[in-house]
Structures are given as C-alpha cells and as structure tokens.
Amino acid sequence: MNLNELAATRRSVRVYKEAGLSEEESLKKIKEIVDFVRINSPSWKNSQTHRYYAAVSAEKIAQVRDALSLRNQEKVNNSIALVVTAFEKDVSGFTEGKPDNELGNCWGAYDLGLSDSLFILKARELGLDTLIMGLRDADQIKKIFCIPENQMVGAVISVGFRAAELNQPPRKPLEEIAHFE
C-alpha cells in the first residue's frame, strides 16, 4: 500500500472485532510498529524523546482500560493492545535546560504527534486499526507502567481489527485550512 492508500483507508476505529491473535502475535505486531517509529520518526535536534508503553496481556490491557475515561473504555473492547505514548519533558525545544522559544514542551508534544502519526500509518499498513485517545488518567497510567516523572503521557492508542468498514468523514475545503500568496 502506498501512502495515499494508507491515509485513505485509515480511520479512528471505535468498535473492534475479536482478533483471534495470541498475546505473542499481538506483541510481535506492536514491536514491529514501534521499531518502525523508532527508526523513522523525526524529532527536534534528533532528540528522540518519544516513548511507548504497550499493554498486550489481558491483565495489563484491563488496567490501562480502567485508566481511560468512561466514554473511551467501551471503545477498546477486543483491542489487541493499548499503547501509551509519552515524551521526555524539557528536551525537545530546549538547549541547556532552557526553552528555545515560547513553545517549550509543546515541541516534545509536536514530536510525539509526528511519531504517533507514523505509528497509526504503520499499523494500517499491517492491516491493523487504531484510535488515539486523550481522555485518560495520566497519573494512573504512570503508575501502571512506572513511567518516570520526567516523561509526560500524551495519548493511549488502541490497536485492533475494525468490526465494520468506515467512511471518511467530511473534510474542510483546502481554502479554509491553507493560505497561499
């Protein structure tokens, strides 16, 4: 699949079907995705601050599921994994501990977003579907994975197989989002 096909078929999936994968098979797929992200993600001054914490066992998935908002908990049933994304604070966009501009740690979040984008596209290439969720209890998630204090939790990405085909939602016209002079 080329990039146009990947982007055209990728959707935010809120209902997954039973995967029929073993924990080992799920782990192998998640490792392949994260390794792709590790190799290919751009970052500020090549700082590589993105981090991934993957729940692939039924027990760990249940723990992470409980840290999601109630509205998101129902959307992750039958996921093969719940992947927490995080970044190291005060690195991207910083020099010698001082922010390089007014955005400060927004650059770490920006870099993480680039990495997460590659994550969901690679998942789609492997025939998997995803949903990026921001409504979660970051403190609870940090405890579940023993995430260090110098890292900020970004999102939780559910990974699985869509239960039904989904249409692309309407998009804004080019003229509304871009200005050319």
N, C-alpha and C. Protein backbone atom coordinates (compact mmCIF):
# COMPACT_ATOMS: atom_id res chain seq x y z
N MET A 1 0.84 -1.18 0.00
CA MET A 1 0.00 0.00 0.00
C MET A 1 0.89 1.24 0.00
N ASN A 2 0.56 2.20 -0.86
CA ASN A 2 1.31 3.45 -0.83
C ASN A 2 0.69 4.40 0.20
N LEU A 3 1.32 5.55 0.40
CA LEU A 3 0.86 6.48 1.44
C LEU A 3 -0.56 6.95 1.19
N ASN A 4 -0.92 7.22 -0.06
CA ASN A 4 -2.29 7.65 -0.37
C ASN A 4 -3.30 6.58 0.03
N GLU A 5 -2.99 5.33 -0.25
CA GLU A 5 -3.90 4.23 0.11
C GLU A 5 -3.99 4.07 1.63
N LEU A 6 -2.84 4.16 2.30
CA LEU A 6 -2.85 4.05 3.76
C LEU A 6 -3.71 5.15 4.39
N ALA A 7 -3.48 6.38 3.95
CA ALA A 7 -4.23 7.50 4.51
C ALA A 7 -5.72 7.40 4.17
N ALA A 8 -6.03 6.92 2.98
CA ALA A 8 -7.43 6.82 2.56
C ALA A 8 -8.18 5.72 3.32
N THR A 9 -7.49 4.70 3.78
CA THR A 9 -8.18 3.60 4.47
C THR A 9 -8.05 3.66 5.99
N ARG A 10 -7.19 4.53 6.52
CA ARG A 10 -7.03 4.64 7.96
C ARG A 10 -8.22 5.40 8.54
N ARG A 11 -8.75 4.88 9.60
CA ARG A 11 -9.86 5.51 10.30
C ARG A 11 -9.65 5.40 11.80
N SER A 12 -10.29 6.27 12.56
CA SER A 12 -10.34 6.15 14.02
C SER A 12 -11.43 5.14 14.32
N VAL A 13 -11.03 3.96 14.77
CA VAL A 13 -11.96 2.85 14.96
C VAL A 13 -12.41 2.79 16.41
N ARG A 14 -13.72 2.72 16.59
CA ARG A 14 -14.30 2.70 17.93
C ARG A 14 -14.98 1.39 18.27
N VAL A 15 -14.99 0.45 17.31
CA VAL A 15 -15.54 -0.89 17.56
C VAL A 15 -14.61 -1.89 16.86
N TYR A 16 -14.02 -2.76 17.67
CA TYR A 16 -13.10 -3.77 17.16
C TYR A 16 -13.77 -5.14 17.19
N LYS A 17 -13.36 -5.99 16.24
CA LYS A 17 -13.84 -7.37 16.27
C LYS A 17 -12.81 -8.24 16.99
N GLU A 18 -13.23 -9.41 17.40
CA GLU A 18 -12.34 -10.36 18.05
C GLU A 18 -11.19 -10.67 17.09
N ALA A 19 -9.97 -10.53 17.56
CA ALA A 19 -8.80 -10.64 16.70
C ALA A 19 -8.38 -12.08 16.43
N GLY A 20 -8.51 -12.92 17.41
CA GLY A 20 -8.04 -14.28 17.25
C GLY A 20 -6.52 -14.40 17.25
N LEU A 21 -5.84 -13.38 17.77
CA LEU A 21 -4.37 -13.42 17.85
C LEU A 21 -3.95 -13.82 19.25
N SER A 22 -2.85 -14.53 19.33
CA SER A 22 -2.28 -14.84 20.64
C SER A 22 -1.58 -13.58 21.16
N GLU A 23 -1.28 -13.58 22.44
CA GLU A 23 -0.55 -12.46 23.04
C GLU A 23 0.80 -12.30 22.35
N GLU A 24 1.44 -13.41 22.02
CA GLU A 24 2.75 -13.36 21.35
C GLU A 24 2.63 -12.73 19.96
N GLU A 25 1.57 -13.08 19.21
CA GLU A 25 1.36 -12.50 17.88
C GLU A 25 1.09 -10.99 17.99
N SER A 26 0.28 -10.62 18.97
CA SER A 26 -0.01 -9.20 19.19
C SER A 26 1.27 -8.45 19.53
N LEU A 27 2.07 -9.01 20.44
CA LEU A 27 3.32 -8.38 20.84
C LEU A 27 4.25 -8.20 19.64
N LYS A 28 4.33 -9.20 18.79
CA LYS A 28 5.18 -9.12 17.61
C LYS A 28 4.76 -7.96 16.70
N LYS A 29 3.47 -7.80 16.49
CA LYS A 29 2.98 -6.71 15.64
C LYS A 29 3.27 -5.34 16.26
N ILE A 30 3.03 -5.21 17.56
CA ILE A 30 3.28 -3.93 18.22
C ILE A 30 4.77 -3.60 18.19
N LYS A 31 5.62 -4.60 18.42
CA LYS A 31 7.07 -4.36 18.35
C LYS A 31 7.48 -3.91 16.95
N GLU A 32 6.89 -4.50 15.91
CA GLU A 32 7.21 -4.11 14.54
C GLU A 32 6.83 -2.65 14.29
N ILE A 33 5.67 -2.25 14.79
CA ILE A 33 5.22 -0.87 14.62
C ILE A 33 6.15 0.09 15.36
N VAL A 34 6.43 -0.20 16.63
CA VAL A 34 7.26 0.71 17.43
C VAL A 34 8.68 0.78 16.88
N ASP A 35 9.19 -0.33 16.37
CA ASP A 35 10.54 -0.30 15.79
C ASP A 35 10.56 0.57 14.54
N PHE A 36 9.51 0.49 13.73
CA PHE A 36 9.40 1.36 12.56
C PHE A 36 9.41 2.82 13.00
N VAL A 37 8.62 3.15 14.03
CA VAL A 37 8.56 4.52 14.54
C VAL A 37 9.93 4.95 15.07
N ARG A 38 10.59 4.07 15.79
CA ARG A 38 11.91 4.37 16.36
C ARG A 38 12.90 4.76 15.26
N ILE A 39 12.87 4.05 14.16
CA ILE A 39 13.82 4.28 13.08
C ILE A 39 13.46 5.51 12.24
N ASN A 40 12.18 5.80 12.08
CA ASN A 40 11.76 6.78 11.08
C ASN A 40 11.20 8.10 11.61
N SER A 41 10.98 8.24 12.90
CA SER A 41 10.37 9.47 13.42
C SER A 41 11.34 10.63 13.46
N PRO A 42 10.93 11.77 12.91
CA PRO A 42 11.76 12.97 13.05
C PRO A 42 11.57 13.55 14.45
N SER A 43 12.56 14.30 14.91
CA SER A 43 12.44 14.97 16.20
C SER A 43 13.40 16.15 16.26
N TRP A 44 13.08 17.09 17.15
CA TRP A 44 13.89 18.29 17.35
C TRP A 44 15.33 17.89 17.67
N LYS A 45 16.27 18.34 16.86
CA LYS A 45 17.69 18.06 17.05
C LYS A 45 17.96 16.58 17.26
N ASN A 46 17.15 15.73 16.62
CA ASN A 46 17.26 14.27 16.74
C ASN A 46 17.25 13.82 18.21
N SER A 47 16.46 14.50 19.01
CA SER A 47 16.42 14.21 20.45
C SER A 47 15.71 12.89 20.78
N GLN A 48 14.83 12.43 19.90
CA GLN A 48 14.19 11.11 20.06
C GLN A 48 13.58 10.92 21.45
N THR A 49 12.72 11.83 21.85
CA THR A 49 12.15 11.78 23.20
C THR A 49 10.87 10.96 23.31
N HIS A 50 10.35 10.46 22.18
CA HIS A 50 9.10 9.69 22.23
C HIS A 50 9.34 8.34 22.92
N ARG A 51 8.33 7.92 23.68
CA ARG A 51 8.38 6.64 24.41
C ARG A 51 7.05 5.92 24.24
N TYR A 52 7.11 4.61 24.20
CA TYR A 52 5.91 3.79 24.03
C TYR A 52 5.86 2.73 25.13
N TYR A 53 4.69 2.59 25.72
CA TYR A 53 4.43 1.59 26.76
C TYR A 53 3.23 0.77 26.29
N ALA A 54 3.47 -0.50 25.97
CA ALA A 54 2.42 -1.31 25.35
C ALA A 54 1.84 -2.33 26.32
N ALA A 55 0.53 -2.30 26.45
CA ALA A 55 -0.20 -3.32 27.20
C ALA A 55 -0.71 -4.33 26.18
N VAL A 56 -0.18 -5.56 26.25
CA VAL A 56 -0.62 -6.60 25.32
C VAL A 56 -1.24 -7.79 26.04
N SER A 57 -0.95 -7.96 27.31
CA SER A 57 -1.58 -9.04 28.07
C SER A 57 -2.98 -8.60 28.47
N ALA A 58 -3.88 -9.55 28.61
CA ALA A 58 -5.26 -9.24 29.00
C ALA A 58 -5.28 -8.46 30.32
N GLU A 59 -4.42 -8.84 31.25
CA GLU A 59 -4.37 -8.18 32.55
C GLU A 59 -3.93 -6.72 32.42
N LYS A 60 -2.89 -6.47 31.65
CA LYS A 60 -2.38 -5.10 31.50
C LYS A 60 -3.35 -4.25 30.68
N ILE A 61 -3.96 -4.84 29.65
CA ILE A 61 -4.96 -4.11 28.86
C ILE A 61 -6.09 -3.66 29.78
N ALA A 62 -6.54 -4.54 30.67
CA ALA A 62 -7.63 -4.20 31.60
C ALA A 62 -7.22 -3.05 32.52
N GLN A 63 -5.98 -3.05 32.98
CA GLN A 63 -5.50 -1.97 33.85
C GLN A 63 -5.52 -0.63 33.12
N VAL A 64 -5.01 -0.63 31.88
CA VAL A 64 -4.97 0.62 31.11
C VAL A 64 -6.39 1.04 30.74
N ARG A 65 -7.24 0.09 30.39
CA ARG A 65 -8.64 0.39 30.07
C ARG A 65 -9.30 1.12 31.23
N ASP A 66 -9.03 0.68 32.45
CA ASP A 66 -9.62 1.32 33.63
C ASP A 66 -9.12 2.74 33.84
N ALA A 67 -7.99 3.09 33.22
CA ALA A 67 -7.44 4.44 33.35
C ALA A 67 -8.00 5.38 32.28
N LEU A 68 -8.81 4.85 31.37
CA LEU A 68 -9.43 5.67 30.33
C LEU A 68 -10.73 6.28 30.86
N SER A 69 -11.18 7.34 30.20
CA SER A 69 -12.48 7.91 30.55
C SER A 69 -13.55 6.85 30.29
N LEU A 70 -14.69 6.98 30.94
CA LEU A 70 -15.78 6.01 30.74
C LEU A 70 -16.18 5.93 29.28
N ARG A 71 -16.22 7.06 28.58
CA ARG A 71 -16.61 7.01 27.17
C ARG A 71 -15.60 6.25 26.32
N ASN A 72 -14.33 6.29 26.69
CA ASN A 72 -13.33 5.57 25.90
C ASN A 72 -13.22 4.09 26.29
N GLN A 73 -13.57 3.75 27.51
CA GLN A 73 -13.44 2.35 27.95
C GLN A 73 -14.21 1.39 27.05
N GLU A 74 -15.41 1.78 26.65
CA GLU A 74 -16.22 0.90 25.81
C GLU A 74 -15.69 0.78 24.38
N LYS A 75 -14.87 1.72 23.96
CA LYS A 75 -14.36 1.75 22.59
C LYS A 75 -13.17 0.82 22.37
N VAL A 76 -12.59 0.29 23.43
CA VAL A 76 -11.37 -0.50 23.28
C VAL A 76 -11.60 -2.01 23.43
N ASN A 77 -12.85 -2.43 23.56
CA ASN A 77 -13.13 -3.87 23.66
C ASN A 77 -12.57 -4.59 22.44
N ASN A 78 -11.95 -5.72 22.65
CA ASN A 78 -11.33 -6.56 21.62
C ASN A 78 -10.04 -6.00 21.04
N SER A 79 -9.49 -4.93 21.63
CA SER A 79 -8.19 -4.42 21.18
C SER A 79 -7.12 -5.48 21.43
N ILE A 80 -6.14 -5.56 20.53
CA ILE A 80 -5.02 -6.48 20.76
C ILE A 80 -3.96 -5.83 21.64
N ALA A 81 -4.03 -4.48 21.75
CA ALA A 81 -3.08 -3.75 22.59
C ALA A 81 -3.61 -2.35 22.87
N LEU A 82 -3.19 -1.82 24.00
CA LEU A 82 -3.37 -0.41 24.32
C LEU A 82 -1.98 0.15 24.52
N VAL A 83 -1.62 1.11 23.69
CA VAL A 83 -0.25 1.63 23.69
C VAL A 83 -0.27 3.07 24.20
N VAL A 84 0.45 3.29 25.28
CA VAL A 84 0.58 4.62 25.87
C VAL A 84 1.78 5.30 25.23
N THR A 85 1.57 6.53 24.76
CA THR A 85 2.66 7.29 24.18
C THR A 85 3.03 8.41 25.15
N ALA A 86 4.32 8.68 25.24
CA ALA A 86 4.82 9.69 26.16
C ALA A 86 6.06 10.34 25.55
N PHE A 87 6.49 11.44 26.16
CA PHE A 87 7.75 12.06 25.73
C PHE A 87 8.49 12.60 26.94
N GLU A 88 9.81 12.68 26.80
CA GLU A 88 10.66 13.25 27.85
C GLU A 88 10.49 14.76 27.85
N LYS A 89 10.16 15.31 28.99
CA LYS A 89 9.97 16.76 29.11
C LYS A 89 11.31 17.49 29.09
N ASP A 90 11.25 18.75 28.69
CA ASP A 90 12.38 19.67 28.75
C ASP A 90 13.58 19.25 27.92
N VAL A 91 13.32 18.56 26.79
CA VAL A 91 14.40 18.16 25.88
C VAL A 91 14.16 18.75 24.50
N SER A 92 13.09 18.32 23.82
CA SER A 92 12.76 18.89 22.51
C SER A 92 12.37 20.35 22.71
N GLY A 93 13.04 21.24 21.98
CA GLY A 93 12.74 22.67 22.12
C GLY A 93 13.52 23.33 23.24
N PHE A 94 14.52 22.63 23.77
CA PHE A 94 15.31 23.17 24.88
C PHE A 94 16.80 23.07 24.55
N THR A 95 17.56 24.03 25.04
CA THR A 95 19.02 23.98 24.97
C THR A 95 19.53 24.29 26.37
N GLU A 96 20.35 23.40 26.89
CA GLU A 96 20.92 23.56 28.24
C GLU A 96 19.84 23.88 29.28
N GLY A 97 18.70 23.13 29.17
CA GLY A 97 17.63 23.27 30.16
C GLY A 97 16.72 24.47 30.00
N LYS A 98 16.97 25.29 28.98
CA LYS A 98 16.13 26.48 28.77
C LYS A 98 15.37 26.34 27.44
N PRO A 99 14.08 26.74 27.43
CA PRO A 99 13.31 26.65 26.18
C PRO A 99 13.90 27.55 25.10
N ASP A 100 13.94 27.03 23.88
CA ASP A 100 14.48 27.79 22.75
C ASP A 100 13.50 28.84 22.22
N ASN A 101 12.22 28.65 22.48
CA ASN A 101 11.23 29.67 22.12
C ASN A 101 10.02 29.52 23.03
N GLU A 102 8.99 30.29 22.75
CA GLU A 102 7.82 30.33 23.64
C GLU A 102 7.05 29.01 23.72
N LEU A 103 7.29 28.07 22.84
CA LEU A 103 6.55 26.82 22.85
C LEU A 103 7.05 25.81 23.88
N GLY A 104 8.31 25.89 24.26
CA GLY A 104 8.83 24.99 25.29
C GLY A 104 8.48 23.53 25.04
N ASN A 105 7.78 22.89 25.99
CA ASN A 105 7.46 21.46 25.87
C ASN A 105 6.44 21.14 24.78
N CYS A 106 5.86 22.16 24.17
CA CYS A 106 4.98 21.87 23.04
C CYS A 106 5.76 21.18 21.92
N TRP A 107 7.09 21.43 21.85
CA TRP A 107 7.89 20.76 20.83
C TRP A 107 7.98 19.26 21.12
N GLY A 108 8.04 18.86 22.37
CA GLY A 108 8.02 17.44 22.71
C GLY A 108 6.70 16.80 22.30
N ALA A 109 5.60 17.53 22.55
CA ALA A 109 4.28 17.04 22.14
C ALA A 109 4.18 16.99 20.62
N TYR A 110 4.75 17.98 19.95
CA TYR A 110 4.76 18.02 18.48
C TYR A 110 5.50 16.80 17.93
N ASP A 111 6.69 16.54 18.47
CA ASP A 111 7.47 15.38 18.03
C ASP A 111 6.72 14.08 18.30
N LEU A 112 6.06 14.01 19.45
CA LEU A 112 5.29 12.80 19.77
C LEU A 112 4.14 12.63 18.79
N GLY A 113 3.50 13.72 18.41
CA GLY A 113 2.43 13.65 17.42
C GLY A 113 2.92 13.13 16.09
N LEU A 114 4.11 13.56 15.68
CA LEU A 114 4.70 13.04 14.44
C LEU A 114 4.94 11.53 14.55
N SER A 115 5.46 11.11 15.70
CA SER A 115 5.72 9.69 15.92
C SER A 115 4.41 8.89 15.95
N ASP A 116 3.41 9.44 16.63
CA ASP A 116 2.11 8.75 16.70
C ASP A 116 1.48 8.63 15.32
N SER A 117 1.67 9.64 14.49
CA SER A 117 1.15 9.59 13.13
C SER A 117 1.78 8.43 12.35
N LEU A 118 3.09 8.29 12.48
CA LEU A 118 3.76 7.15 11.84
C LEU A 118 3.27 5.83 12.43
N PHE A 119 3.03 5.81 13.73
CA PHE A 119 2.54 4.60 14.41
C PHE A 119 1.22 4.14 13.78
N ILE A 120 0.26 5.07 13.65
CA ILE A 120 -1.05 4.65 13.14
C ILE A 120 -1.00 4.28 11.66
N LEU A 121 -0.11 4.92 10.90
CA LEU A 121 0.01 4.56 9.48
C LEU A 121 0.68 3.19 9.32
N LYS A 122 1.71 2.91 10.11
CA LYS A 122 2.35 1.59 10.05
C LYS A 122 1.37 0.50 10.49
N ALA A 123 0.59 0.79 11.52
CA ALA A 123 -0.43 -0.18 11.96
C ALA A 123 -1.37 -0.49 10.81
N ARG A 124 -1.81 0.54 10.11
CA ARG A 124 -2.73 0.34 8.98
C ARG A 124 -2.07 -0.49 7.89
N GLU A 125 -0.80 -0.22 7.62
CA GLU A 125 -0.08 -0.99 6.61
C GLU A 125 -0.07 -2.48 6.96
N LEU A 126 -0.04 -2.78 8.26
CA LEU A 126 -0.05 -4.17 8.72
C LEU A 126 -1.46 -4.73 8.84
N GLY A 127 -2.46 -3.96 8.40
CA GLY A 127 -3.84 -4.43 8.44
C GLY A 127 -4.54 -4.18 9.76
N LEU A 128 -3.92 -3.37 10.62
CA LEU A 128 -4.48 -3.07 11.93
C LEU A 128 -5.14 -1.69 11.92
N ASP A 129 -6.00 -1.48 12.89
CA ASP A 129 -6.70 -0.22 13.02
C ASP A 129 -6.42 0.37 14.39
N THR A 130 -6.65 1.67 14.52
CA THR A 130 -6.26 2.39 15.74
C THR A 130 -7.28 3.44 16.12
N LEU A 131 -7.19 3.87 17.37
CA LEU A 131 -7.92 5.02 17.88
C LEU A 131 -7.00 5.72 18.87
N ILE A 132 -6.72 6.99 18.62
CA ILE A 132 -5.90 7.78 19.54
C ILE A 132 -6.83 8.46 20.54
N MET A 133 -6.57 8.22 21.83
CA MET A 133 -7.44 8.76 22.88
C MET A 133 -6.65 9.65 23.83
N GLY A 134 -7.20 10.80 24.12
CA GLY A 134 -6.56 11.73 25.04
C GLY A 134 -7.27 11.82 26.39
N LEU A 135 -8.47 11.25 26.49
CA LEU A 135 -9.21 11.29 27.75
C LEU A 135 -8.81 10.08 28.57
N ARG A 136 -7.88 10.33 29.53
CA ARG A 136 -7.28 9.26 30.34
C ARG A 136 -6.75 9.84 31.63
N ASP A 137 -6.48 8.98 32.59
CA ASP A 137 -5.90 9.41 33.86
C ASP A 137 -4.39 9.20 33.76
N ALA A 138 -3.66 10.25 33.45
CA ALA A 138 -2.22 10.16 33.23
C ALA A 138 -1.49 9.65 34.47
N ASP A 139 -1.90 10.08 35.66
CA ASP A 139 -1.24 9.63 36.89
C ASP A 139 -1.41 8.13 37.09
N GLN A 140 -2.61 7.63 36.83
CA GLN A 140 -2.85 6.19 36.95
C GLN A 140 -2.01 5.42 35.93
N ILE A 141 -1.95 5.92 34.72
CA ILE A 141 -1.17 5.26 33.68
C ILE A 141 0.31 5.26 34.04
N LYS A 142 0.80 6.36 34.60
CA LYS A 142 2.21 6.41 35.02
C LYS A 142 2.50 5.34 36.06
N LYS A 143 1.56 5.11 36.96
CA LYS A 143 1.74 4.06 37.98
C LYS A 143 1.73 2.67 37.35
N ILE A 144 0.83 2.43 36.43
CA ILE A 144 0.71 1.12 35.79
C ILE A 144 2.02 0.71 35.13
N PHE A 145 2.66 1.66 34.44
CA PHE A 145 3.89 1.35 33.70
C PHE A 145 5.16 1.83 34.38
N CYS A 146 5.05 2.42 35.55
CA CYS A 146 6.21 3.01 36.24
C CYS A 146 6.93 4.02 35.33
N ILE A 147 6.14 4.89 34.73
CA ILE A 147 6.68 5.92 33.84
C ILE A 147 7.35 6.99 34.69
N PRO A 148 8.60 7.32 34.38
CA PRO A 148 9.33 8.31 35.19
C PRO A 148 8.67 9.69 35.17
N GLU A 149 8.92 10.46 36.20
CA GLU A 149 8.36 11.80 36.34
C GLU A 149 8.81 12.75 35.23
N ASN A 150 9.97 12.48 34.63
CA ASN A 150 10.46 13.38 33.58
C ASN A 150 9.77 13.12 32.24
N GLN A 151 8.78 12.23 32.21
CA GLN A 151 8.03 11.96 30.98
C GLN A 151 6.58 12.41 31.13
N MET A 152 6.03 12.91 30.04
CA MET A 152 4.65 13.36 30.01
C MET A 152 3.85 12.40 29.13
N VAL A 153 2.74 11.89 29.67
CA VAL A 153 1.87 10.99 28.90
C VAL A 153 1.15 11.81 27.85
N GLY A 154 1.18 11.33 26.62
CA GLY A 154 0.48 12.01 25.53
C GLY A 154 -0.89 11.41 25.29
N ALA A 155 -0.93 10.19 24.84
CA ALA A 155 -2.20 9.56 24.46
C ALA A 155 -2.14 8.07 24.74
N VAL A 156 -3.30 7.45 24.57
CA VAL A 156 -3.40 6.00 24.56
C VAL A 156 -3.93 5.63 23.18
N ILE A 157 -3.25 4.72 22.51
CA ILE A 157 -3.68 4.27 21.18
C ILE A 157 -4.16 2.83 21.30
N SER A 158 -5.44 2.61 20.97
CA SER A 158 -5.93 1.23 20.92
C SER A 158 -5.58 0.68 19.54
N VAL A 159 -5.28 -0.62 19.50
CA VAL A 159 -4.90 -1.28 18.26
C VAL A 159 -5.73 -2.55 18.14
N GLY A 160 -6.27 -2.77 16.97
CA GLY A 160 -7.07 -3.97 16.74
C GLY A 160 -7.54 -4.05 15.30
N PHE A 161 -8.61 -4.81 15.10
CA PHE A 161 -9.18 -5.01 13.77
C PHE A 161 -10.60 -4.44 13.76
N ARG A 162 -10.89 -3.55 12.84
CA ARG A 162 -12.20 -2.90 12.78
C ARG A 162 -13.31 -3.92 12.59
N ALA A 163 -14.43 -3.66 13.23
CA ALA A 163 -15.58 -4.54 13.14
C ALA A 163 -16.40 -4.27 11.88
N ALA A 164 -16.29 -3.07 11.31
CA ALA A 164 -17.04 -2.71 10.11
C ALA A 164 -16.24 -1.68 9.32
N GLU A 165 -16.55 -1.60 8.03
CA GLU A 165 -15.92 -0.58 7.19
C GLU A 165 -16.47 0.79 7.57
N LEU A 166 -15.60 1.78 7.51
CA LEU A 166 -15.98 3.13 7.91
C LEU A 166 -15.74 4.09 6.76
N ASN A 167 -16.63 5.06 6.61
CA ASN A 167 -16.46 6.09 5.59
C ASN A 167 -15.63 7.23 6.14
N GLN A 168 -14.98 7.94 5.24
CA GLN A 168 -14.22 9.11 5.66
C GLN A 168 -15.20 10.23 5.99
N PRO A 169 -15.02 10.85 7.15
CA PRO A 169 -15.87 11.98 7.49
C PRO A 169 -15.57 13.16 6.57
N PRO A 170 -16.51 14.11 6.47
CA PRO A 170 -16.27 15.28 5.60
C PRO A 170 -15.02 16.04 6.04
N ARG A 171 -14.34 16.59 5.07
CA ARG A 171 -13.12 17.37 5.33
C ARG A 171 -13.37 18.82 4.93
N LYS A 172 -12.69 19.73 5.60
CA LYS A 172 -12.81 21.15 5.27
C LYS A 172 -12.16 21.39 3.91
N PRO A 173 -12.65 22.39 3.18
CA PRO A 173 -12.02 22.71 1.89
C PRO A 173 -10.60 23.24 2.08
N LEU A 174 -9.78 23.04 1.08
CA LEU A 174 -8.38 23.47 1.11
C LEU A 174 -8.27 24.95 1.45
N GLU A 175 -9.15 25.76 0.87
CA GLU A 175 -9.09 27.21 1.07
C GLU A 175 -9.36 27.60 2.52
N GLU A 176 -10.02 26.73 3.28
CA GLU A 176 -10.32 27.04 4.67
C GLU A 176 -9.14 26.74 5.60
N ILE A 177 -8.25 25.86 5.19
CA ILE A 177 -7.15 25.48 6.07
C ILE A 177 -5.78 25.95 5.60
N ALA A 178 -5.69 26.44 4.37
CA ALA A 178 -4.38 26.85 3.85
C ALA A 178 -4.49 28.20 3.15
N HIS A 179 -3.43 28.98 3.24
CA HIS A 179 -3.38 30.29 2.58
C HIS A 179 -2.12 30.32 1.71
N PHE A 180 -2.32 30.70 0.46
CA PHE A 180 -1.21 30.74 -0.49
C PHE A 180 -1.07 32.14 -1.03
N GLU A 181 0.14 32.67 -1.02
CA GLU A 181 0.37 34.02 -1.52
C GLU A 181 1.52 34.02 -2.50
